[in-house]
Amino acid sequence: MEYTAIGICSVAVNAGAELKKRFLKLLKVDEELRLAVAGLLGLDTILSELKRLREDFQKFTEVQERRWDENNKR
C-alpha cells in the first residue's frame, strides 16, 4: 500500500473532524467535563466579573436617580 501526503492529510482531517464531534457530544452529555472545560477557559472569572459589573452599574443608576430627584425638587 502506498501512502501519499494528500491521503495522509485527508485521514488526519477526517480523524480531527470525528474527534471534534465526539468532544462536542461529550460536552453536551457530561456535566463534569463541561464544568472542567469551563474552568480551564476561565469562564468562572468572566461570570464573576460580569456580576460585579452589573452590581456596580445598579449602584450607579441608583445614584443617578437620586441626583435627578434632587435636581427636580429645585
N, C-alpha and C. Protein backbone atom coordinates (compact mmCIF):
# COMPACT_ATOMS: atom_id res chain seq x y z
N MET A 1 0.85 -1.18 0.00
CA MET A 1 0.00 0.00 0.00
C MET A 1 0.89 1.23 0.00
N GLU A 2 0.58 2.16 -0.85
CA GLU A 2 1.38 3.38 -0.97
C GLU A 2 0.63 4.54 -0.31
N TYR A 3 1.35 5.28 0.50
CA TYR A 3 0.76 6.44 1.17
C TYR A 3 1.20 7.71 0.47
N THR A 4 0.27 8.61 0.27
CA THR A 4 0.60 9.91 -0.29
C THR A 4 0.34 10.97 0.75
N ALA A 5 0.96 12.12 0.57
CA ALA A 5 0.77 13.22 1.52
C ALA A 5 -0.69 13.64 1.57
N ILE A 6 -1.34 13.68 0.42
CA ILE A 6 -2.75 14.07 0.38
C ILE A 6 -3.61 13.04 1.09
N GLY A 7 -3.32 11.77 0.88
CA GLY A 7 -4.08 10.72 1.54
C GLY A 7 -3.92 10.77 3.05
N ILE A 8 -2.70 10.99 3.51
CA ILE A 8 -2.45 11.07 4.95
C ILE A 8 -3.14 12.29 5.54
N CYS A 9 -3.07 13.43 4.84
CA CYS A 9 -3.74 14.65 5.32
C CYS A 9 -5.25 14.45 5.38
N SER A 10 -5.79 13.77 4.39
CA SER A 10 -7.23 13.51 4.36
C SER A 10 -7.65 12.67 5.55
N VAL A 11 -6.86 11.66 5.88
CA VAL A 11 -7.15 10.81 7.04
C VAL A 11 -7.06 11.64 8.31
N ALA A 12 -6.04 12.48 8.41
CA ALA A 12 -5.86 13.32 9.60
C ALA A 12 -7.03 14.29 9.77
N VAL A 13 -7.48 14.89 8.68
CA VAL A 13 -8.60 15.83 8.73
C VAL A 13 -9.86 15.10 9.17
N ASN A 14 -10.11 13.93 8.59
CA ASN A 14 -11.29 13.15 8.97
C ASN A 14 -11.23 12.74 10.43
N ALA A 15 -10.05 12.34 10.90
CA ALA A 15 -9.90 11.96 12.30
C ALA A 15 -10.14 13.16 13.20
N GLY A 16 -9.65 14.32 12.79
CA GLY A 16 -9.87 15.54 13.57
C GLY A 16 -11.33 15.92 13.63
N ALA A 17 -12.02 15.78 12.52
CA ALA A 17 -13.46 16.09 12.48
C ALA A 17 -14.23 15.14 13.38
N GLU A 18 -13.86 13.87 13.35
CA GLU A 18 -14.53 12.88 14.20
C GLU A 18 -14.26 13.17 15.68
N LEU A 19 -13.03 13.54 15.98
CA LEU A 19 -12.68 13.87 17.36
C LEU A 19 -13.49 15.07 17.85
N LYS A 20 -13.65 16.08 17.01
CA LYS A 20 -14.45 17.26 17.37
C LYS A 20 -15.89 16.86 17.67
N LYS A 21 -16.46 16.02 16.80
CA LYS A 21 -17.84 15.57 17.01
C LYS A 21 -17.98 14.85 18.34
N ARG A 22 -17.05 13.96 18.63
CA ARG A 22 -17.10 13.19 19.88
C ARG A 22 -16.95 14.11 21.08
N PHE A 23 -16.04 15.07 20.97
CA PHE A 23 -15.81 16.01 22.07
C PHE A 23 -17.05 16.86 22.33
N LEU A 24 -17.66 17.38 21.28
CA LEU A 24 -18.87 18.19 21.43
C LEU A 24 -20.02 17.37 22.03
N LYS A 25 -20.13 16.11 21.61
CA LYS A 25 -21.16 15.25 22.18
C LYS A 25 -20.91 15.03 23.67
N LEU A 26 -19.65 14.80 24.02
CA LEU A 26 -19.31 14.64 25.44
C LEU A 26 -19.64 15.89 26.25
N LEU A 27 -19.36 17.05 25.68
CA LEU A 27 -19.69 18.30 26.38
C LEU A 27 -21.18 18.41 26.65
N LYS A 28 -21.99 17.94 25.71
CA LYS A 28 -23.44 18.01 25.88
C LYS A 28 -23.94 17.08 26.97
N VAL A 29 -23.35 15.90 27.08
CA VAL A 29 -23.90 14.89 27.99
C VAL A 29 -23.16 14.76 29.32
N ASP A 30 -21.94 15.26 29.41
CA ASP A 30 -21.12 15.06 30.61
C ASP A 30 -20.93 16.39 31.34
N GLU A 31 -21.72 16.60 32.39
CA GLU A 31 -21.67 17.87 33.12
C GLU A 31 -20.31 18.09 33.77
N GLU A 32 -19.71 17.04 34.31
CA GLU A 32 -18.40 17.18 34.96
C GLU A 32 -17.35 17.67 33.97
N LEU A 33 -17.35 17.09 32.78
CA LEU A 33 -16.41 17.53 31.74
C LEU A 33 -16.69 18.97 31.34
N ARG A 34 -17.97 19.29 31.19
CA ARG A 34 -18.37 20.65 30.79
C ARG A 34 -17.87 21.68 31.81
N LEU A 35 -18.04 21.38 33.10
CA LEU A 35 -17.58 22.30 34.14
C LEU A 35 -16.06 22.40 34.17
N ALA A 36 -15.38 21.28 33.94
CA ALA A 36 -13.92 21.30 33.92
C ALA A 36 -13.41 22.16 32.77
N VAL A 37 -14.01 22.02 31.60
CA VAL A 37 -13.60 22.81 30.44
C VAL A 37 -13.90 24.29 30.69
N ALA A 38 -15.07 24.58 31.27
CA ALA A 38 -15.42 25.98 31.58
C ALA A 38 -14.40 26.58 32.54
N GLY A 39 -13.98 25.80 33.53
CA GLY A 39 -12.97 26.28 34.47
C GLY A 39 -11.64 26.54 33.80
N LEU A 40 -11.24 25.64 32.92
CA LEU A 40 -9.98 25.83 32.20
C LEU A 40 -10.02 27.06 31.31
N LEU A 41 -11.18 27.36 30.77
CA LEU A 41 -11.33 28.54 29.91
C LEU A 41 -11.44 29.83 30.71
N GLY A 42 -11.61 29.72 32.02
CA GLY A 42 -11.73 30.91 32.86
C GLY A 42 -13.12 31.51 32.87
N LEU A 43 -14.13 30.72 32.53
CA LEU A 43 -15.49 31.26 32.47
C LEU A 43 -16.00 31.67 33.84
N ASP A 44 -15.53 31.01 34.91
CA ASP A 44 -15.96 31.40 36.25
C ASP A 44 -15.48 32.81 36.57
N THR A 45 -14.29 33.16 36.14
CA THR A 45 -13.76 34.50 36.35
C THR A 45 -14.56 35.52 35.56
N ILE A 46 -14.89 35.19 34.33
CA ILE A 46 -15.67 36.10 33.49
C ILE A 46 -17.05 36.32 34.09
N LEU A 47 -17.69 35.25 34.56
CA LEU A 47 -19.01 35.38 35.16
C LEU A 47 -18.98 36.23 36.42
N SER A 48 -17.96 36.06 37.25
CA SER A 48 -17.89 36.87 38.47
C SER A 48 -17.64 38.34 38.13
N GLU A 49 -16.84 38.60 37.11
CA GLU A 49 -16.61 39.99 36.68
C GLU A 49 -17.89 40.60 36.13
N LEU A 50 -18.65 39.84 35.36
CA LEU A 50 -19.92 40.34 34.84
C LEU A 50 -20.90 40.66 35.97
N LYS A 51 -20.92 39.80 36.98
CA LYS A 51 -21.79 40.02 38.13
C LYS A 51 -21.39 41.31 38.85
N ARG A 52 -20.09 41.49 39.05
CA ARG A 52 -19.61 42.70 39.71
C ARG A 52 -19.93 43.95 38.89
N LEU A 53 -19.78 43.86 37.59
CA LEU A 53 -20.10 44.98 36.71
C LEU A 53 -21.57 45.33 36.80
N ARG A 54 -22.43 44.31 36.83
CA ARG A 54 -23.88 44.54 36.95
C ARG A 54 -24.20 45.22 38.27
N GLU A 55 -23.56 44.78 39.35
CA GLU A 55 -23.80 45.39 40.66
C GLU A 55 -23.33 46.84 40.68
N ASP A 56 -22.16 47.10 40.10
CA ASP A 56 -21.65 48.47 40.03
C ASP A 56 -22.58 49.36 39.21
N PHE A 57 -23.09 48.84 38.12
CA PHE A 57 -24.00 49.62 37.28
C PHE A 57 -25.30 49.91 38.01
N GLN A 58 -25.78 48.93 38.78
CA GLN A 58 -27.00 49.14 39.56
C GLN A 58 -26.80 50.27 40.57
N LYS A 59 -25.65 50.28 41.24
CA LYS A 59 -25.35 51.36 42.19
C LYS A 59 -25.29 52.70 41.47
N PHE A 60 -24.67 52.72 40.29
CA PHE A 60 -24.57 53.94 39.51
C PHE A 60 -25.96 54.48 39.15
N THR A 61 -26.85 53.60 38.70
CA THR A 61 -28.19 54.07 38.33
C THR A 61 -28.96 54.58 39.54
N GLU A 62 -28.75 53.97 40.71
CA GLU A 62 -29.42 54.45 41.92
C GLU A 62 -28.93 55.85 42.28
N VAL A 63 -27.63 56.08 42.17
CA VAL A 63 -27.08 57.41 42.46
C VAL A 63 -27.62 58.43 41.47
N GLN A 64 -27.67 58.05 40.20
CA GLN A 64 -28.19 58.97 39.18
C GLN A 64 -29.66 59.31 39.43
N GLU A 65 -30.45 58.32 39.82
CA GLU A 65 -31.86 58.58 40.12
C GLU A 65 -32.00 59.56 41.28
N ARG A 66 -31.19 59.39 42.32
CA ARG A 66 -31.25 60.32 43.45
C ARG A 66 -30.87 61.73 43.01
N ARG A 67 -29.86 61.83 42.17
CA ARG A 67 -29.45 63.16 41.69
C ARG A 67 -30.57 63.82 40.88
N TRP A 68 -31.22 63.03 40.02
CA TRP A 68 -32.33 63.59 39.24
C TRP A 68 -33.48 64.01 40.15
N ASP A 69 -33.77 63.20 41.15
CA ASP A 69 -34.83 63.55 42.10
C ASP A 69 -34.51 64.85 42.82
N GLU A 70 -33.26 64.97 43.28
CA GLU A 70 -32.84 66.19 43.97
C GLU A 70 -32.89 67.39 43.04
N ASN A 71 -32.48 67.22 41.81
CA ASN A 71 -32.50 68.30 40.84
C ASN A 71 -33.93 68.73 40.51
N ASN A 72 -34.85 67.78 40.43
CA ASN A 72 -36.24 68.11 40.11
C ASN A 72 -36.94 68.83 41.26
N LYS A 73 -36.46 68.68 42.47
CA LYS A 73 -37.05 69.36 43.62
C LYS A 73 -36.72 70.85 43.63
N ARG A 74 -35.71 71.26 42.94
CA ARG A 74 -35.27 72.66 42.94
C ARG A 74 -36.13 73.53 42.11
